[in-house]
C-alpha atoms as a PDB file:
ATOM      1  CA  MET A   1      39.468 163.094 140.616  1.00  0.00           C
ATOM      2  CA  PRO A   2      39.640 163.688 144.555  1.00  0.00           C
ATOM      3  CA  GLY A   3      41.039 160.875 146.112  1.00  0.00           C
ATOM      4  CA  LEU A   4      43.065 160.066 149.125  1.00  0.00           C
ATOM      5  CA  ILE A   5      45.787 162.652 151.246  1.00  0.00           C
ATOM      6  CA  THR A   6      47.632 161.250 153.802  1.00  0.00           C
ATOM      7  CA  ILE A   7      49.155 164.031 155.746  1.00  0.00           C
ATOM      8  CA  LEU A   8      52.459 163.470 157.940  1.00  0.00           C
ATOM      9  CA  GLY A   9      53.807 166.826 159.403  1.00  0.00           C
ATOM     10  CA  ASP A  10      53.310 169.424 162.568  1.00  0.00           C
ATOM     11  CA  SER A  11      51.011 171.830 164.464  1.00  0.00           C
ATOM     12  CA  ILE A  12      50.723 173.361 161.203  1.00  0.00           C
ATOM     13  CA  ALA A  13      48.855 170.646 159.352  1.00  0.00           C
ATOM     14  CA  ARG A  14      46.645 170.478 162.412  1.00  0.00           C
ATOM     15  CA  GLY A  15      46.145 174.324 162.033  1.00  0.00           C
ATOM     16  CA  LEU A  16      47.229 175.371 165.459  1.00  0.00           C
ATOM     17  CA  MET A  17      47.234 178.920 166.408  1.00  0.00           C
ATOM     18  CA  TYR A  18      47.701 180.699 169.372  1.00  0.00           C
ATOM     19  CA  ASP A  19      44.496 183.203 170.386  1.00  0.00           C
ATOM     20  CA  GLU A  20      46.064 186.438 171.739  1.00  0.00           C
ATOM     21  CA  ASN A  21      42.531 187.465 173.717  1.00  0.00           C
ATOM     22  CA  ALA A  22      42.071 184.388 175.314  1.00  0.00           C
ATOM     23  CA  SER A  23      46.306 184.170 175.996  1.00  0.00           C
ATOM     24  CA  ARG A  24      46.408 180.381 174.854  1.00  0.00           C
ATOM     25  CA  TYR A  25      46.476 178.034 171.832  1.00  0.00           C
ATOM     26  CA  THR A  26      43.511 176.567 169.708  1.00  0.00           C
ATOM     27  CA  LEU A  27      42.569 175.041 166.439  1.00  0.00           C
ATOM     28  CA  CYS A  28      41.399 176.955 163.138  1.00  0.00           C
ATOM     29  CA  ARG A  29      38.499 176.124 161.673  1.00  0.00           C
ATOM     30  CA  ASP A  30      39.122 177.215 158.206  1.00  0.00           C
ATOM     31  CA  THR A  31      42.335 175.241 157.026  1.00  0.00           C
ATOM     32  CA  PHE A  32      42.869 173.210 153.858  1.00  0.00           C
ATOM     33  CA  ALA A  33      41.933 170.187 155.372  1.00  0.00           C
ATOM     34  CA  SER A  34      38.310 171.391 155.914  1.00  0.00           C
ATOM     35  CA  ALA A  35      38.989 172.591 152.157  1.00  0.00           C
ATOM     36  CA  LEU A  36      39.589 169.717 150.822  1.00  0.00           C
ATOM     37  CA  MET A  37      37.205 167.765 152.107  1.00  0.00           C
ATOM     38  CA  GLY A  38      34.673 169.930 151.258  1.00  0.00           C
ATOM     39  CA  LYS A  39      36.154 169.312 147.592  1.00  0.00           C
ATOM     40  CA  GLY A  40      35.710 165.826 147.734  1.00  0.00           C
ATOM     41  CA  TYR A  41      39.051 164.118 148.605  1.00  0.00           C
ATOM     42  CA  SER A  42      39.336 161.987 151.433  1.00  0.00           C
ATOM     43  CA  LEU A  43      41.766 162.973 154.009  1.00  0.00           C
ATOM     44  CA  LYS A  44      43.739 161.153 156.926  1.00  0.00           C
ATOM     45  CA  ASN A  45      45.488 164.073 158.981  1.00  0.00           C
ATOM     46  CA  LEU A  46      48.647 162.139 160.916  1.00  0.00           C
ATOM     47  CA  ALA A  47      50.342 165.032 161.691  1.00  0.00           C
ATOM     48  CA  ARG A  48      50.765 166.031 165.357  1.00  0.00           C
ATOM     49  CA  VAL A  49      51.319 168.946 167.311  1.00  0.00           C
ATOM     50  CA  GLY A  50      55.217 169.106 168.061  1.00  0.00           C
ATOM     51  CA  GLY A  51      55.870 166.366 164.934  1.00  0.00           C
ATOM     52  CA  THR A  52      59.975 165.898 163.707  1.00  0.00           C
ATOM     53  CA  VAL A  53      60.935 163.533 161.231  1.00  0.00           C
ATOM     54  CA  ASP A  54      61.585 161.128 163.868  1.00  0.00           C
ATOM     55  CA  ASN A  55      57.781 161.368 164.568  1.00  0.00           C
ATOM     56  CA  ALA A  56      56.560 160.853 160.774  1.00  0.00           C
ATOM     57  CA  MET A  57      59.192 158.120 160.133  1.00  0.00           C
ATOM     58  CA  GLU A  58      57.107 156.308 162.955  1.00  0.00           C
ATOM     59  CA  LEU A  59      53.391 157.171 161.634  1.00  0.00           C
ATOM     60  CA  PHE A  60      54.387 155.954 158.431  1.00  0.00           C
ATOM     61  CA  GLU A  61      55.696 152.868 159.414  1.00  0.00           C
ATOM     62  CA  LYS A  62      52.438 151.814 161.625  1.00  0.00           C
ATOM     63  CA  MET A  63      50.060 153.564 159.036  1.00  0.00           C
ATOM     64  CA  ASP A  64      48.381 151.950 156.200  1.00  0.00           C
ATOM     65  CA  LYS A  65      50.225 152.216 153.095  1.00  0.00           C
ATOM     66  CA  GLN A  66      47.741 152.497 149.812  1.00  0.00           C
ATOM     67  CA  PRO A  67      49.256 152.477 146.662  1.00  0.00           C
ATOM     68  CA  GLY A  68      48.093 155.328 145.084  1.00  0.00           C
ATOM     69  CA  THR A  69      47.811 157.291 148.007  1.00  0.00           C
ATOM     70  CA  LEU A  70      49.231 161.161 147.898  1.00  0.00           C
ATOM     71  CA  LEU A  71      51.546 161.326 151.060  1.00  0.00           C
ATOM     72  CA  ALA A  72      52.329 164.755 152.359  1.00  0.00           C
ATOM     73  CA  VAL A  73      54.611 165.512 154.736  1.00  0.00           C
ATOM     74  CA  GLU A  74      55.439 168.592 156.027  1.00  0.00           C
ATOM     75  CA  VAL A  75      58.557 168.660 158.624  1.00  0.00           C
ATOM     76  CA  GLY A  76      60.843 170.490 159.568  1.00  0.00           C
ATOM     77  CA  GLY A  77      59.811 173.637 162.000  1.00  0.00           C
ATOM     78  CA  ASN A  78      59.975 172.025 165.149  1.00  0.00           C
ATOM     79  CA  ASP A  79      63.161 169.624 163.982  1.00  0.00           C
ATOM     80  CA  SER A  80      65.192 172.529 163.788  1.00  0.00           C
ATOM     81  CA  ALA A  81      64.376 173.754 167.556  1.00  0.00           C
ATOM     82  CA  LEU A  82      66.777 174.503 169.891  1.00  0.00           C
ATOM     83  CA  ASN A  83      66.514 173.611 173.441  1.00  0.00           C
ATOM     84  CA  TRP A  84      65.770 178.148 174.230  1.00  0.00           C
ATOM     85  CA  GLU A  85      66.326 177.086 178.460  1.00  0.00           C
ATOM     86  CA  GLU A  86      69.797 175.396 177.999  1.00  0.00           C
ATOM     87  CA  VAL A  87      71.280 178.098 175.352  1.00  0.00           C
ATOM     88  CA  ALA A  88      70.765 180.660 178.092  1.00  0.00           C
ATOM     89  CA  GLU A  89      71.922 179.181 180.448  1.00  0.00           C
ATOM     90  CA  GLN A  90      75.224 177.851 178.460  1.00  0.00           C
ATOM     91  CA  PRO A  91      75.479 181.092 175.286  1.00  0.00           C
ATOM     92  CA  ASN A  92      79.425 179.634 175.338  1.00  0.00           C
ATOM     93  CA  VAL A  93      78.538 176.412 173.977  1.00  0.00           C
ATOM     94  CA  ASN A  94      77.723 174.821 170.843  1.00  0.00           C
ATOM     95  CA  HIS A  95      73.833 173.443 170.392  1.00  0.00           C
ATOM     96  CA  GLU A  96      72.369 171.153 168.528  1.00  0.00           C
ATOM     97  CA  ALA A  97      68.982 171.420 166.728  1.00  0.00           C
ATOM     98  CA  LYS A  98      66.342 168.751 168.022  1.00  0.00           C
ATOM     99  CA  VAL A  99      67.227 166.720 164.678  1.00  0.00           C
ATOM    100  CA  PRO A 100      70.708 167.771 164.071  1.00  0.00           C
ATOM    101  CA  LEU A 101      70.296 169.211 160.024  1.00  0.00           C
ATOM    102  CA  ASN A 102      72.192 166.413 158.440  1.00  0.00           C
ATOM    103  CA  GLN A 103      70.075 163.517 160.284  1.00  0.00           C
ATOM    104  CA  PHE A 104      67.262 165.936 158.982  1.00  0.00           C
ATOM    105  CA  GLY A 105      68.008 165.589 155.551  1.00  0.00           C
ATOM    106  CA  GLU A 106      68.929 161.630 156.065  1.00  0.00           C
ATOM    107  CA  LYS A 107      65.735 160.465 157.094  1.00  0.00           C
ATOM    108  CA  LEU A 108      63.662 162.399 155.284  1.00  0.00           C
ATOM    109  CA  ARG A 109      65.037 161.033 152.403  1.00  0.00           C
ATOM    110  CA  LEU A 110      64.679 157.676 153.777  1.00  0.00           C
ATOM    111  CA  LEU A 111      60.885 158.935 154.492  1.00  0.00           C
ATOM    112  CA  LEU A 112      60.406 159.612 150.779  1.00  0.00           C
ATOM    113  CA  SER A 113      61.819 156.323 149.274  1.00  0.00           C
ATOM    114  CA  ARG A 114      60.338 154.386 151.669  1.00  0.00           C
ATOM    115  CA  ALA A 115      56.557 156.100 150.319  1.00  0.00           C
ATOM    116  CA  ALA A 116      57.646 155.412 146.659  1.00  0.00           C
ATOM    117  CA  ASP A 117      58.932 151.797 147.032  1.00  0.00           C
ATOM    118  CA  CYS A 118      54.976 151.858 148.542  1.00  0.00           C
ATOM    119  CA  ALA A 119      53.691 153.229 145.372  1.00  0.00           C
ATOM    120  CA  MET A 120      52.689 156.000 147.654  1.00  0.00           C
ATOM    121  CA  ARG A 121      52.692 159.475 145.825  1.00  0.00           C
ATOM    122  CA  PRO A 122      55.131 161.579 148.283  1.00  0.00           C
ATOM    123  CA  ILE A 123      54.837 165.414 147.997  1.00  0.00           C
ATOM    124  CA  VAL A 124      57.161 167.888 150.866  1.00  0.00           C
ATOM    125  CA  VAL A 125      55.925 170.240 152.015  1.00  0.00           C
ATOM    126  CA  THR A 126      58.274 173.595 152.854  1.00  0.00           C
ATOM    127  CA  PRO A 127      57.804 174.714 156.731  1.00  0.00           C
ATOM    128  CA  LEU A 128      56.775 177.887 156.612  1.00  0.00           C
ATOM    129  CA  PRO A 129      58.831 181.078 157.577  1.00  0.00           C
ATOM    130  CA  VAL A 130      60.214 182.132 161.202  1.00  0.00           C
ATOM    131  CA  VAL A 131      59.090 185.837 162.287  1.00  0.00           C
ATOM    132  CA  ALA A 132      62.637 186.617 164.142  1.00  0.00           C
ATOM    133  CA  ASP A 133      61.836 189.059 166.255  1.00  0.00           C
ATOM    134  CA  ARG A 134      58.245 187.820 167.379  1.00  0.00           C
ATOM    135  CA  TYR A 135      59.909 184.509 168.058  1.00  0.00           C
ATOM    136  CA  MET A 136      63.133 185.809 169.822  1.00  0.00           C
ATOM    137  CA  LYS A 137      60.580 187.707 171.904  1.00  0.00           C
ATOM    138  CA  TRP A 138      58.496 184.013 172.442  1.00  0.00           C
ATOM    139  CA  ILE A 139      61.028 181.988 173.456  1.00  0.00           C
ATOM    140  CA  SER A 140      63.360 183.881 175.627  1.00  0.00           C
ATOM    141  CA  ARG A 141      59.922 184.535 177.786  1.00  0.00           C
ATOM    142  CA  GLY A 142      61.304 183.870 181.309  1.00  0.00           C
ATOM    143  CA  LEU A 143      65.284 183.652 179.772  1.00  0.00           C
ATOM    144  CA  ASP A 144      67.891 185.270 179.500  1.00  0.00           C
ATOM    145  CA  ALA A 145      67.313 186.973 176.393  1.00  0.00           C
ATOM    146  CA  LYS A 146      70.642 188.766 175.843  1.00  0.00           C
ATOM    147  CA  ALA A 147      72.835 185.650 176.645  1.00  0.00           C
ATOM    148  CA  ILE A 148      70.696 184.059 173.694  1.00  0.00           C
ATOM    149  CA  GLU A 149      70.907 186.759 171.561  1.00  0.00           C
ATOM    150  CA  ALA A 150      74.760 186.071 172.486  1.00  0.00           C
ATOM    151  CA  TYR A 151      74.324 182.791 170.961  1.00  0.00           C
ATOM    152  CA  LEU A 152      72.975 183.515 167.819  1.00  0.00           C
ATOM    153  CA  GLY A 153      74.487 186.932 167.471  1.00  0.00           C
ATOM    154  CA  SER A 154      71.915 188.458 166.607  1.00  0.00           C
ATOM    155  CA  TYR A 155      67.509 187.711 166.577  1.00  0.00           C
ATOM    156  CA  GLU A 156      67.383 187.757 163.081  1.00  0.00           C
ATOM    157  CA  TYR A 157      69.894 184.496 162.925  1.00  0.00           C
ATOM    158  CA  ILE A 158      66.758 182.264 163.993  1.00  0.00           C
ATOM    159  CA  TYR A 159      65.300 183.174 160.885  1.00  0.00           C
ATOM    160  CA  ARG A 160      68.350 181.804 158.823  1.00  0.00           C
ATOM    161  CA  TRP A 161      68.645 178.824 161.186  1.00  0.00           C
ATOM    162  CA  GLN A 162      65.655 177.716 160.138  1.00  0.00           C
ATOM    163  CA  GLU A 163      65.576 178.467 156.579  1.00  0.00           C
ATOM    164  CA  ARG A 164      68.668 175.774 156.096  1.00  0.00           C
ATOM    165  CA  TYR A 165      65.604 173.055 156.980  1.00  0.00           C
ATOM    166  CA  ALA A 166      63.650 174.172 154.366  1.00  0.00           C
ATOM    167  CA  LEU A 167      66.605 174.310 152.359  1.00  0.00           C
ATOM    168  CA  GLU A 168      67.240 170.224 152.905  1.00  0.00           C
ATOM    169  CA  ALA A 169      63.672 169.209 152.478  1.00  0.00           C
ATOM    170  CA  LEU A 170      63.750 170.947 148.599  1.00  0.00           C
ATOM    171  CA  LYS A 171      67.906 168.553 148.778  1.00  0.00           C
ATOM    172  CA  ALA A 172      65.656 165.412 149.859  1.00  0.00           C
ATOM    173  CA  ALA A 173      63.262 166.163 147.323  1.00  0.00           C
ATOM    174  CA  ARG A 174      65.389 166.663 144.999  1.00  0.00           C
ATOM    175  CA  HIS A 175      67.718 163.102 145.691  1.00  0.00           C
ATOM    176  CA  THR A 176      64.444 161.137 145.843  1.00  0.00           C
ATOM    177  CA  ASP A 177      63.018 162.495 142.368  1.00  0.00           C
ATOM    178  CA  CYS A 178      60.128 163.993 144.800  1.00  0.00           C
ATOM    179  CA  PRO A 179      57.777 167.181 143.686  1.00  0.00           C
ATOM    180  CA  VAL A 180      57.627 169.494 145.728  1.00  0.00           C
ATOM    181  CA  PHE A 181      54.916 171.895 147.641  1.00  0.00           C
ATOM    182  CA  ASP A 182      56.644 174.943 148.413  1.00  0.00           C
ATOM    183  CA  LEU A 183      54.392 176.707 150.992  1.00  0.00           C
ATOM    184  CA  ARG A 184      57.037 178.770 152.471  1.00  0.00           C
ATOM    185  CA  SER A 185      57.172 180.475 148.567  1.00  0.00           C
ATOM    186  CA  VAL A 186      53.423 181.183 149.158  1.00  0.00           C
ATOM    187  CA  PHE A 187      54.213 182.891 152.386  1.00  0.00           C
ATOM    188  CA  LEU A 188      57.143 184.646 151.291  1.00  0.00           C
ATOM    189  CA  SER A 189      55.607 186.450 148.022  1.00  0.00           C
ATOM    190  CA  GLN A 190      53.447 188.629 150.246  1.00  0.00           C
ATOM    191  CA  ARG A 191      54.468 192.029 150.799  1.00  0.00           C
ATOM    192  CA  ASN A 192      54.344 191.318 154.550  1.00  0.00           C
ATOM    193  CA  PHE A 193      54.018 187.623 155.632  1.00  0.00           C
ATOM    194  CA  ALA A 194      54.275 189.043 159.049  1.00  0.00           C
ATOM    195  CA  ARG A 195      50.819 189.928 159.346  1.00  0.00           C
ATOM    196  CA  LEU A 196      49.915 186.202 158.282  1.00  0.00           C
ATOM    197  CA  MET A 197      51.256 184.948 161.854  1.00  0.00           C
ATOM    198  CA  CYS A 198      50.341 185.035 165.348  1.00  0.00           C
ATOM    199  CA  GLU A 199      52.148 186.628 168.134  1.00  0.00           C
ATOM    200  CA  ASP A 200      54.399 183.662 168.691  1.00  0.00           C
ATOM    201  CA  GLY A 201      55.955 184.161 165.025  1.00  0.00           C
ATOM    202  CA  ILE A 202      56.083 180.692 164.175  1.00  0.00           C
ATOM    203  CA  HIS A 203      52.215 179.740 163.855  1.00  0.00           C
ATOM    204  CA  PRO A 204      50.166 181.329 161.044  1.00  0.00           C
ATOM    205  CA  ASN A 205      47.067 183.599 162.634  1.00  0.00           C
ATOM    206  CA  ALA A 206      43.317 183.340 160.896  1.00  0.00           C
ATOM    207  CA  ASP A 207      44.701 184.912 157.957  1.00  0.00           C
ATOM    208  CA  GLY A 208      47.371 182.966 157.627  1.00  0.00           C
ATOM    209  CA  TYR A 209      45.268 179.390 157.268  1.00  0.00           C
ATOM    210  CA  ARG A 210      43.203 180.753 154.655  1.00  0.00           C
ATOM    211  CA  LEU A 211      45.757 181.782 152.505  1.00  0.00           C
ATOM    212  CA  ILE A 212      47.381 178.365 153.037  1.00  0.00           C
ATOM    213  CA  SER A 213      43.731 176.634 152.049  1.00  0.00           C
ATOM    214  CA  GLN A 214      43.169 178.979 149.107  1.00  0.00           C
ATOM    215  CA  ALA A 215      47.088 177.714 147.669  1.00  0.00           C
ATOM    216  CA  VAL A 216      46.602 174.187 148.549  1.00  0.00           C
ATOM    217  CA  VAL A 217      42.528 174.189 147.041  1.00  0.00           C
ATOM    218  CA  ASN A 218      43.643 176.248 143.916  1.00  0.00           C
ATOM    219  CA  ALA A 219      46.553 173.655 143.516  1.00  0.00           C
ATOM    220  CA  ALA A 220      44.376 170.597 143.747  1.00  0.00           C
ATOM    221  CA  GLN A 221      41.902 171.484 141.161  1.00  0.00           C
ATOM    222  CA  GLY A 222      44.574 171.121 138.885  1.00  0.00           C
ATOM    223  CA  GLY A 223      44.944 166.850 140.152  1.00  0.00           C
ATOM    224  CA  TYR A 224      47.843 165.960 141.810  1.00  0.00           C
ATOM    225  CA  ALA A 225      50.543 167.131 139.487  1.00  0.00           C
ATOM    226  CA  ALA A 226      49.562 170.492 140.141  1.00  0.00           C
ATOM    227  CA  LEU A 227      49.577 169.939 143.452  1.00  0.00           C
ATOM    228  CA  ALA A 228      52.964 169.017 143.420  1.00  0.00           C
ATOM    229  CA  ALA A 229      54.217 172.375 141.399  1.00  0.00           C
ATOM    230  CA  ASN A 230      55.943 174.853 142.798  1.00  0.00           C
ATOM    231  CA  VAL A 231      53.816 177.517 143.512  1.00  0.00           C
END
């Protein structure tokens, strides 16, 4: 039976995508949120553009923690971001992510544990993969791209750097005995997942959001157990 779902996450949970024709970001109308509400679920989307695990924890402290609520936590993409301007200016020194990896794991585990203590049903949603060459081109606009690539060793390292946060999210889920909705694998199972992503290499396009919507709705039809299973 449809129930209440609260979402803590980032711009992907909000449906943000880049409109190449208009050269600006916009919101996709065909998202999992609208699809779930169409199936009778009550949805409270607290995700925010640029959201990190720190933002999720802050919102969790303020939100109504109704027992039995399914709490979907979708973070990691923004947490892993580097300050690319600083990287371009100083490629010979070490740079930390917005939320360092060890702190990301610790904070996510704490959030999941707190939610379970409140009799909520937390579920980890894994972050989507990035399209490395597109993302490299995107973040280096107006900056010294060669310096950024020199720091990374290869633009492909962007994928592996971000992937560590997806793996850390899985570790946090195992540590807290929390189920996982493996959205990352939904995309990686596609023969060419890049066709589902925007020019920026990090946000889904309309086709990508339709895939997300389909995967979530298909799982939700089986209830919490199915929604919380790897897909």
